[in-house]
């Protein structure tokens, strides 16, 4: 596999993390107007994407292949937890 073949595979691998990274901060802005404005939208999206990418990479390492439902469940849990931390929702 050449370098140009790697890009679509990497994009497909990280697509679920990117989708959640865009969706969660936008929905938080709509639903939680008082707390969602504390940090920048790009910062929230970046942190959720990094957490999601780390979980996907850990799932690939642990199971030896991607696309396991356990990994996607952990992705949703990690992305939601990161969004919760970024918004300081425990206060």
PDB file of N, CA and C in Angstrom:
ATOM      1  N   UNK A   1       0.849  -1.168   0.000  1.00  0.00           N
ATOM      2  CA  UNK A   1       0.000   0.000   0.000  1.00  0.00           C
ATOM      3  C   UNK A   1       0.896   1.233   0.000  1.00  0.00           C
ATOM      4  N   UNK A   2       0.630   2.118  -0.928  1.00  0.00           N
ATOM      5  CA  UNK A   2       1.399   3.344  -1.033  1.00  0.00           C
ATOM      6  C   UNK A   2       0.846   4.429  -0.121  1.00  0.00           C
ATOM      7  N   UNK A   3       1.554   5.545  -0.041  1.00  0.00           N
ATOM      8  CA  UNK A   3       1.107   6.637   0.818  1.00  0.00           C
ATOM      9  C   UNK A   3      -0.246   7.216   0.399  1.00  0.00           C
ATOM     10  N   UNK A   4      -0.512   7.255  -0.892  1.00  0.00           N
ATOM     11  CA  UNK A   4      -1.803   7.788  -1.331  1.00  0.00           C
ATOM     12  C   UNK A   4      -2.945   6.827  -1.033  1.00  0.00           C
ATOM     13  N   UNK A   5      -2.665   5.547  -0.953  1.00  0.00           N
ATOM     14  CA  UNK A   5      -3.689   4.571  -0.573  1.00  0.00           C
ATOM     15  C   UNK A   5      -3.981   4.620   0.917  1.00  0.00           C
ATOM     16  N   UNK A   6      -3.027   5.071   1.695  1.00  0.00           N
ATOM     17  CA  UNK A   6      -3.198   5.132   3.145  1.00  0.00           C
ATOM     18  C   UNK A   6      -4.186   6.224   3.561  1.00  0.00           C
ATOM     19  N   UNK A   7      -4.247   7.306   2.833  1.00  0.00           N
ATOM     20  CA  UNK A   7      -5.112   8.434   3.216  1.00  0.00           C
ATOM     21  C   UNK A   7      -6.594   8.073   3.287  1.00  0.00           C
ATOM     22  N   UNK A   8      -7.180   7.391   2.283  1.00  0.00           N
ATOM     23  CA  UNK A   8      -8.599   7.025   2.416  1.00  0.00           C
ATOM     24  C   UNK A   8      -8.855   6.034   3.560  1.00  0.00           C
ATOM     25  N   UNK A   9      -7.901   5.143   3.787  1.00  0.00           N
ATOM     26  CA  UNK A   9      -8.064   4.195   4.889  1.00  0.00           C
ATOM     27  C   UNK A   9      -8.019   4.908   6.240  1.00  0.00           C
ATOM     28  N   UNK A  10      -7.104   5.825   6.372  1.00  0.00           N
ATOM     29  CA  UNK A  10      -7.003   6.596   7.614  1.00  0.00           C
ATOM     30  C   UNK A  10      -8.228   7.475   7.813  1.00  0.00           C
ATOM     31  N   UNK A  11      -8.715   8.066   6.716  1.00  0.00           N
ATOM     32  CA  UNK A  11      -9.932   8.880   6.805  1.00  0.00           C
ATOM     33  C   UNK A  11     -11.146   8.060   7.218  1.00  0.00           C
ATOM     34  N   UNK A  12     -11.269   6.868   6.678  1.00  0.00           N
ATOM     35  CA  UNK A  12     -12.375   5.992   7.068  1.00  0.00           C
ATOM     36  C   UNK A  12     -12.253   5.495   8.495  1.00  0.00           C
ATOM     37  N   UNK A  13     -11.024   5.291   8.936  1.00  0.00           N
ATOM     38  CA  UNK A  13     -10.789   4.833  10.303  1.00  0.00           C
ATOM     39  C   UNK A  13     -11.157   5.911  11.315  1.00  0.00           C
ATOM     40  N   UNK A  14     -10.831   7.170  11.005  1.00  0.00           N
ATOM     41  CA  UNK A  14     -11.068   8.275  11.939  1.00  0.00           C
ATOM     42  C   UNK A  14     -12.417   8.967  11.739  1.00  0.00           C
ATOM     43  N   UNK A  15     -13.194   8.536  10.758  1.00  0.00           N
ATOM     44  CA  UNK A  15     -14.481   9.185  10.474  1.00  0.00           C
ATOM     45  C   UNK A  15     -15.455   9.149  11.655  1.00  0.00           C
ATOM     46  N   UNK A  16     -15.603   8.034  12.392  1.00  0.00           N
ATOM     47  CA  UNK A  16     -16.523   8.078  13.540  1.00  0.00           C
ATOM     48  C   UNK A  16     -16.103   9.085  14.610  1.00  0.00           C
ATOM     49  N   UNK A  17     -14.812   9.201  14.855  1.00  0.00           N
ATOM     50  CA  UNK A  17     -14.336  10.177  15.839  1.00  0.00           C
ATOM     51  C   UNK A  17     -14.580  11.597  15.353  1.00  0.00           C
ATOM     52  N   UNK A  18     -14.384  11.840  14.060  1.00  0.00           N
ATOM     53  CA  UNK A  18     -14.624  13.174  13.508  1.00  0.00           C
ATOM     54  C   UNK A  18     -16.104  13.526  13.550  1.00  0.00           C
ATOM     55  N   UNK A  19     -16.960  12.558  13.261  1.00  0.00           N
ATOM     56  CA  UNK A  19     -18.405  12.798  13.307  1.00  0.00           C
ATOM     57  C   UNK A  19     -18.844  13.184  14.715  1.00  0.00           C
ATOM     58  N   UNK A  20     -18.402  12.433  15.711  1.00  0.00           N
ATOM     59  CA  UNK A  20     -18.768  12.766  17.092  1.00  0.00           C
ATOM     60  C   UNK A  20     -18.135  14.083  17.537  1.00  0.00           C
ATOM     61  N   UNK A  21     -16.942  14.371  17.055  1.00  0.00           N
ATOM     62  CA  UNK A  21     -16.264  15.619  17.438  1.00  0.00           C
ATOM     63  C   UNK A  21     -17.010  16.842  16.907  1.00  0.00           C
ATOM     64  N   UNK A  22     -17.667  16.701  15.788  1.00  0.00           N
ATOM     65  CA  UNK A  22     -18.457  17.816  15.260  1.00  0.00           C
ATOM     66  C   UNK A  22     -19.862  17.847  15.853  1.00  0.00           C
ATOM     67  N   UNK A  23     -20.435  16.691  16.073  1.00  0.00           N
ATOM     68  CA  UNK A  23     -21.819  16.603  16.532  1.00  0.00           C
ATOM     69  C   UNK A  23     -21.988  17.031  17.992  1.00  0.00           C
ATOM     70  N   UNK A  24     -21.137  16.535  18.877  1.00  0.00           N
ATOM     71  CA  UNK A  24     -21.324  16.800  20.307  1.00  0.00           C
ATOM     72  C   UNK A  24     -21.226  18.278  20.684  1.00  0.00           C
ATOM     73  N   UNK A  25     -20.205  19.013  20.256  1.00  0.00           N
ATOM     74  CA  UNK A  25     -20.174  20.437  20.613  1.00  0.00           C
ATOM     75  C   UNK A  25     -21.330  21.241  20.016  1.00  0.00           C
ATOM     76  N   UNK A  26     -21.750  20.885  18.800  1.00  0.00           N
ATOM     77  CA  UNK A  26     -22.876  21.605  18.199  1.00  0.00           C
ATOM     78  C   UNK A  26     -24.177  21.340  18.947  1.00  0.00           C
ATOM     79  N   UNK A  27     -24.405  20.095  19.316  1.00  0.00           N
ATOM     80  CA  UNK A  27     -25.612  19.782  20.079  1.00  0.00           C
ATOM     81  C   UNK A  27     -25.568  20.390  21.478  1.00  0.00           C
ATOM     82  N   UNK A  28     -24.378  20.462  22.045  1.00  0.00           N
ATOM     83  CA  UNK A  28     -24.254  21.099  23.362  1.00  0.00           C
ATOM     84  C   UNK A  28     -24.582  22.582  23.274  1.00  0.00           C
ATOM     85  N   UNK A  29     -24.199  23.223  22.185  1.00  0.00           N
ATOM     86  CA  UNK A  29     -24.546  24.641  21.999  1.00  0.00           C
ATOM     87  C   UNK A  29     -26.038  24.839  21.893  1.00  0.00           C
ATOM     88  N   UNK A  30     -26.715  23.896  21.234  1.00  0.00           N
ATOM     89  CA  UNK A  30     -28.161  24.020  21.071  1.00  0.00           C
ATOM     90  C   UNK A  30     -28.925  23.683  22.343  1.00  0.00           C
ATOM     91  N   UNK A  31     -28.485  22.658  23.044  1.00  0.00           N
ATOM     92  CA  UNK A  31     -29.257  22.157  24.183  1.00  0.00           C
ATOM     93  C   UNK A  31     -28.849  22.779  25.516  1.00  0.00           C
ATOM     94  N   UNK A  32     -27.595  23.103  25.680  1.00  0.00           N
ATOM     95  CA  UNK A  32     -27.091  23.620  26.953  1.00  0.00           C
ATOM     96  C   UNK A  32     -26.523  25.013  26.744  1.00  0.00           C
ATOM     97  N   UNK A  33     -27.370  25.949  26.466  1.00  0.00           N
ATOM     98  CA  UNK A  33     -26.912  27.287  26.096  1.00  0.00           C
ATOM     99  C   UNK A  33     -26.091  27.966  27.187  1.00  0.00           C
ATOM    100  N   UNK A  34     -26.386  27.727  28.434  1.00  0.00           N
ATOM    101  CA  UNK A  34     -25.689  28.425  29.515  1.00  0.00           C
ATOM    102  C   UNK A  34     -24.260  27.923  29.702  1.00  0.00           C
ATOM    103  N   UNK A  35     -24.038  26.621  29.555  1.00  0.00           N
ATOM    104  CA  UNK A  35     -22.705  26.078  29.833  1.00  0.00           C
ATOM    105  C   UNK A  35     -21.876  25.881  28.586  1.00  0.00           C
ATOM    106  N   UNK A  36     -22.479  25.807  27.415  1.00  0.00           N
ATOM    107  CA  UNK A  36     -21.730  25.463  26.202  1.00  0.00           C
ATOM    108  C   UNK A  36     -20.851  26.602  25.699  1.00  0.00           C
ATOM    109  N   UNK A  37     -21.120  27.813  26.095  1.00  0.00           N
ATOM    110  CA  UNK A  37     -20.361  28.935  25.577  1.00  0.00           C
ATOM    111  C   UNK A  37     -19.075  29.233  26.311  1.00  0.00           C
ATOM    112  N   UNK A  38     -18.735  28.454  27.290  1.00  0.00           N
ATOM    113  CA  UNK A  38     -17.553  28.740  28.094  1.00  0.00           C
ATOM    114  C   UNK A  38     -16.248  28.536  27.335  1.00  0.00           C
ATOM    115  N   UNK A  39     -16.190  27.540  26.497  1.00  0.00           N
ATOM    116  CA  UNK A  39     -14.961  27.311  25.732  1.00  0.00           C
ATOM    117  C   UNK A  39     -15.276  27.341  24.242  1.00  0.00           C
ATOM    118  N   UNK A  40     -14.266  27.570  23.455  1.00  0.00           N
ATOM    119  CA  UNK A  40     -14.453  27.721  22.020  1.00  0.00           C
ATOM    120  C   UNK A  40     -14.917  26.407  21.385  1.00  0.00           C
ATOM    121  N   UNK A  41     -15.686  26.538  20.333  1.00  0.00           N
ATOM    122  CA  UNK A  41     -16.219  25.369  19.635  1.00  0.00           C
ATOM    123  C   UNK A  41     -15.096  24.526  19.042  1.00  0.00           C
ATOM    124  N   UNK A  42     -14.077  25.163  18.479  1.00  0.00           N
ATOM    125  CA  UNK A  42     -12.976  24.402  17.884  1.00  0.00           C
ATOM    126  C   UNK A  42     -12.190  23.649  18.932  1.00  0.00           C
ATOM    127  N   UNK A  43     -12.068  24.213  20.147  1.00  0.00           N
ATOM    128  CA  UNK A  43     -11.360  23.532  21.225  1.00  0.00           C
ATOM    129  C   UNK A  43     -12.128  22.297  21.683  1.00  0.00           C
ATOM    130  N   UNK A  44     -13.445  22.443  21.821  1.00  0.00           N
ATOM    131  CA  UNK A  44     -14.264  21.296  22.197  1.00  0.00           C
ATOM    132  C   UNK A  44     -14.159  20.190  21.160  1.00  0.00           C
ATOM    133  N   UNK A  45     -14.261  20.562  19.884  1.00  0.00           N
ATOM    134  CA  UNK A  45     -14.202  19.570  18.807  1.00  0.00           C
ATOM    135  C   UNK A  45     -12.829  18.898  18.759  1.00  0.00           C
ATOM    136  N   UNK A  46     -11.769  19.654  18.953  1.00  0.00           N
ATOM    137  CA  UNK A  46     -10.435  19.084  18.907  1.00  0.00           C
ATOM    138  C   UNK A  46     -10.205  18.085  20.037  1.00  0.00           C
ATOM    139  N   UNK A  47     -10.639  18.434  21.241  1.00  0.00           N
ATOM    140  CA  UNK A  47     -10.441  17.539  22.378  1.00  0.00           C
ATOM    141  C   UNK A  47     -11.275  16.268  22.249  1.00  0.00           C
ATOM    142  N   UNK A  48     -12.500  16.396  21.778  1.00  0.00           N
ATOM    143  CA  UNK A  48     -13.341  15.209  21.575  1.00  0.00           C
ATOM    144  C   UNK A  48     -12.745  14.336  20.471  1.00  0.00           C
ATOM    145  N   UNK A  49     -12.222  14.951  19.405  1.00  0.00           N
ATOM    146  CA  UNK A  49     -11.603  14.188  18.322  1.00  0.00           C
ATOM    147  C   UNK A  49     -10.355  13.464  18.801  1.00  0.00           C
ATOM    148  N   UNK A  50      -9.532  14.113  19.599  1.00  0.00           N
ATOM    149  CA  UNK A  50      -8.326  13.458  20.112  1.00  0.00           C
ATOM    150  C   UNK A  50      -8.668  12.290  21.025  1.00  0.00           C
ATOM    151  N   UNK A  51      -9.654  12.461  21.888  1.00  0.00           N
ATOM    152  CA  UNK A  51     -10.064  11.359  22.762  1.00  0.00           C
ATOM    153  C   UNK A  51     -10.631  10.206  21.936  1.00  0.00           C
ATOM    154  N   UNK A  52     -11.459  10.520  20.958  1.00  0.00           N
ATOM    155  CA  UNK A  52     -12.030   9.490  20.113  1.00  0.00           C
ATOM    156  C   UNK A  52     -10.990   8.766  19.286  1.00  0.00           C
ATOM    157  N   UNK A  53     -10.034   9.497  18.763  1.00  0.00           N
ATOM    158  CA  UNK A  53      -8.968   8.874  17.978  1.00  0.00           C
ATOM    159  C   UNK A  53      -8.117   7.952  18.836  1.00  0.00           C
ATOM    160  N   UNK A  54      -7.860   8.360  20.062  1.00  0.00           N
ATOM    161  CA  UNK A  54      -7.089   7.510  20.971  1.00  0.00           C
ATOM    162  C   UNK A  54      -7.835   6.217  21.279  1.00  0.00           C
ATOM    163  N   UNK A  55      -9.141   6.304  21.472  1.00  0.00           N
ATOM    164  CA  UNK A  55      -9.935   5.100  21.748  1.00  0.00           C
ATOM    165  C   UNK A  55      -9.964   4.187  20.528  1.00  0.00           C
ATOM    166  N   UNK A  56     -10.113   4.755  19.341  1.00  0.00           N
ATOM    167  CA  UNK A  56     -10.103   3.930  18.131  1.00  0.00           C
ATOM    168  C   UNK A  56      -8.753   3.254  17.934  1.00  0.00           C
ATOM    169  N   UNK A  57      -7.673   3.963  18.191  1.00  0.00           N
ATOM    170  CA  UNK A  57      -6.337   3.373  18.068  1.00  0.00           C
ATOM    171  C   UNK A  57      -6.129   2.280  19.115  1.00  0.00           C
ATOM    172  N   UNK A  58      -6.614   2.499  20.327  1.00  0.00           N
ATOM    173  CA  UNK A  58      -6.491   1.475  21.368  1.00  0.00           C
ATOM    174  C   UNK A  58      -7.316   0.243  21.017  1.00  0.00           C
ATOM    175  N   UNK A  59      -8.494   0.438  20.447  1.00  0.00           N
ATOM    176  CA  UNK A  59      -9.302  -0.702  20.021  1.00  0.00           C
ATOM    177  C   UNK A  59      -8.644  -1.482  18.899  1.00  0.00           C
ATOM    178  N   UNK A  60      -8.011  -0.780  17.973  1.00  0.00           N
ATOM    179  CA  UNK A  60      -7.287  -1.443  16.891  1.00  0.00           C
ATOM    180  C   UNK A  60      -6.109  -2.236  17.439  1.00  0.00           C
ATOM    181  N   UNK A  61      -5.413  -1.664  18.387  1.00  0.00           N
ATOM    182  CA  UNK A  61      -4.283  -2.355  18.993  1.00  0.00           C
ATOM    183  C   UNK A  61      -4.743  -3.567  19.794  1.00  0.00           C
ATOM    184  N   UNK A  62      -5.789  -3.398  20.602  1.00  0.00           N
ATOM    185  CA  UNK A  62      -6.238  -4.470  21.499  1.00  0.00           C
ATOM    186  C   UNK A  62      -6.832  -5.652  20.727  1.00  0.00           C
ATOM    187  N   UNK A  63      -7.702  -5.369  19.766  1.00  0.00           N
ATOM    188  CA  UNK A  63      -8.396  -6.437  19.050  1.00  0.00           C
ATOM    189  C   UNK A  63      -7.675  -6.876  17.775  1.00  0.00           C
ATOM    190  N   UNK A  64      -6.756  -6.081  17.288  1.00  0.00           N
ATOM    191  CA  UNK A  64      -6.036  -6.430  16.086  1.00  0.00           C
ATOM    192  C   UNK A  64      -6.775  -6.089  14.803  1.00  0.00           C
ATOM    193  N   UNK A  65      -7.934  -5.505  14.903  1.00  0.00           N
ATOM    194  CA  UNK A  65      -8.708  -5.053  13.749  1.00  0.00           C
ATOM    195  C   UNK A  65      -9.653  -3.954  14.202  1.00  0.00           C
ATOM    196  N   UNK A  66     -10.100  -3.153  13.264  1.00  0.00           N
ATOM    197  CA  UNK A  66     -11.015  -2.075  13.634  1.00  0.00           C
ATOM    198  C   UNK A  66     -12.440  -2.505  13.320  1.00  0.00           C
ATOM    199  N   UNK A  67     -13.386  -1.715  13.757  1.00  0.00           N
ATOM    200  CA  UNK A  67     -14.787  -1.981  13.473  1.00  0.00           C
ATOM    201  C   UNK A  67     -15.496  -2.837  14.504  1.00  0.00           C
ATOM    202  N   UNK A  68     -14.904  -3.092  15.646  1.00  0.00           N
ATOM    203  CA  UNK A  68     -15.567  -3.860  16.696  1.00  0.00           C
ATOM    204  C   UNK A  68     -16.575  -2.967  17.418  1.00  0.00           C
ATOM    205  N   UNK A  69     -17.715  -3.526  17.753  1.00  0.00           N
ATOM    206  CA  UNK A  69     -18.760  -2.755  18.426  1.00  0.00           C
ATOM    207  C   UNK A  69     -18.321  -2.296  19.815  1.00  0.00           C
ATOM    208  N   UNK A  70     -17.475  -3.070  20.469  1.00  0.00           N
ATOM    209  CA  UNK A  70     -16.963  -2.663  21.782  1.00  0.00           C
ATOM    210  C   UNK A  70     -16.148  -1.375  21.650  1.00  0.00           C
ATOM    211  N   UNK A  71     -15.380  -1.288  20.587  1.00  0.00           N
ATOM    212  CA  UNK A  71     -14.582  -0.081  20.356  1.00  0.00           C
ATOM    213  C   UNK A  71     -15.482   1.117  20.090  1.00  0.00           C
ATOM    214  N   UNK A  72     -16.541   0.917  19.314  1.00  0.00           N
ATOM    215  CA  UNK A  72     -17.451   2.028  19.036  1.00  0.00           C
ATOM    216  C   UNK A  72     -18.212   2.450  20.294  1.00  0.00           C
ATOM    217  N   UNK A  73     -18.557   1.496  21.145  1.00  0.00           N
ATOM    218  CA  UNK A  73     -19.181   1.841  22.417  1.00  0.00           C
ATOM    219  C   UNK A  73     -18.240   2.642  23.302  1.00  0.00           C
ATOM    220  N   UNK A  74     -16.974   2.225  23.335  1.00  0.00           N
ATOM    221  CA  UNK A  74     -15.974   2.966  24.110  1.00  0.00           C
ATOM    222  C   UNK A  74     -15.730   4.347  23.506  1.00  0.00           C
ATOM    223  N   UNK A  75     -15.830   4.448  22.185  1.00  0.00           N
ATOM    224  CA  UNK A  75     -15.684   5.743  21.507  1.00  0.00           C
ATOM    225  C   UNK A  75     -16.774   6.704  21.946  1.00  0.00           C
ATOM    226  N   UNK A  76     -18.006   6.241  21.968  1.00  0.00           N
ATOM    227  CA  UNK A  76     -19.121   7.095  22.388  1.00  0.00           C
ATOM    228  C   UNK A  76     -18.953   7.502  23.853  1.00  0.00           C
ATOM    229  N   UNK A  77     -18.561   6.561  24.692  1.00  0.00           N
ATOM    230  CA  UNK A  77     -18.355   6.863  26.109  1.00  0.00           C
ATOM    231  C   UNK A  77     -17.220   7.871  26.311  1.00  0.00           C
ATOM    232  N   UNK A  78     -16.117   7.685  25.600  1.00  0.00           N
ATOM    233  CA  UNK A  78     -14.982   8.609  25.735  1.00  0.00           C
ATOM    234  C   UNK A  78     -15.310   9.995  25.190  1.00  0.00           C
ATOM    235  N   UNK A  79     -16.017  10.050  24.063  1.00  0.00           N
ATOM    236  CA  UNK A  79     -16.369  11.358  23.485  1.00  0.00           C
ATOM    237  C   UNK A  79     -17.340  12.108  24.394  1.00  0.00           C
ATOM    238  N   UNK A  80     -18.323  11.409  24.927  1.00  0.00           N
ATOM    239  CA  UNK A  80     -19.271  12.055  25.833  1.00  0.00           C
ATOM    240  C   UNK A  80     -18.592  12.488  27.126  1.00  0.00           C
ATOM    241  N   UNK A  81     -17.673  11.677  27.626  1.00  0.00           N
ATOM    242  CA  UNK A  81     -16.949  12.048  28.845  1.00  0.00           C
ATOM    243  C   UNK A  81     -16.061  13.263  28.622  1.00  0.00           C
ATOM    244  N   UNK A  82     -15.408  13.315  27.468  1.00  0.00           N
ATOM    245  CA  UNK A  82     -14.559  14.472  27.168  1.00  0.00           C
ATOM    246  C   UNK A  82     -15.398  15.736  27.024  1.00  0.00           C
ATOM    247  N   UNK A  83     -16.546  15.630  26.377  1.00  0.00           N
ATOM    248  CA  UNK A  83     -17.429  16.793  26.252  1.00  0.00           C
ATOM    249  C   UNK A  83     -17.910  17.239  27.624  1.00  0.00           C
ATOM    250  N   UNK A  84     -18.213  16.304  28.490  1.00  0.00           N
ATOM    251  CA  UNK A  84     -18.638  16.605  29.852  1.00  0.00           C
ATOM    252  C   UNK A  84     -17.525  17.323  30.608  1.00  0.00           C
ATOM    253  N   UNK A  85     -16.286  16.859  30.430  1.00  0.00           N
ATOM    254  CA  UNK A  85     -15.153  17.505  31.100  1.00  0.00           C
ATOM    255  C   UNK A  85     -14.887  18.903  30.551  1.00  0.00           C
ATOM    256  N   UNK A  86     -14.977  19.060  29.238  1.00  0.00           N
ATOM    257  CA  UNK A  86     -14.712  20.366  28.626  1.00  0.00           C
ATOM    258  C   UNK A  86     -15.741  21.394  29.069  1.00  0.00           C
ATOM    259  N   UNK A  87     -16.991  20.973  29.203  1.00  0.00           N
ATOM    260  CA  UNK A  87     -18.038  21.893  29.638  1.00  0.00           C
ATOM    261  C   UNK A  87     -18.062  22.117  31.140  1.00  0.00           C
ATOM    262  N   UNK A  88     -17.231  21.373  31.870  1.00  0.00           N
ATOM    263  CA  UNK A  88     -17.223  21.439  33.342  1.00  0.00           C
ATOM    264  C   UNK A  88     -18.633  21.207  33.884  1.00  0.00           C
ATOM    265  N   UNK A  89     -19.266  20.150  33.418  1.00  0.00           N
ATOM    266  CA  UNK A  89     -20.662  19.889  33.758  1.00  0.00           C
ATOM    267  C   UNK A  89     -20.861  19.380  35.175  1.00  0.00           C
ATOM    268  N   UNK A  90     -19.808  19.070  35.885  1.00  0.00           N
ATOM    269  CA  UNK A  90     -19.953  18.609  37.253  1.00  0.00           C
ATOM    270  C   UNK A  90     -20.305  19.749  38.200  1.00  0.00           C
ATOM    271  N   UNK A  91     -20.168  20.975  37.751  1.00  0.00           N
ATOM    272  CA  UNK A  91     -20.463  22.126  38.625  1.00  0.00           C
ATOM    273  C   UNK A  91     -21.928  22.403  38.698  1.00  0.00           C
TER     274      UNK A  91
END
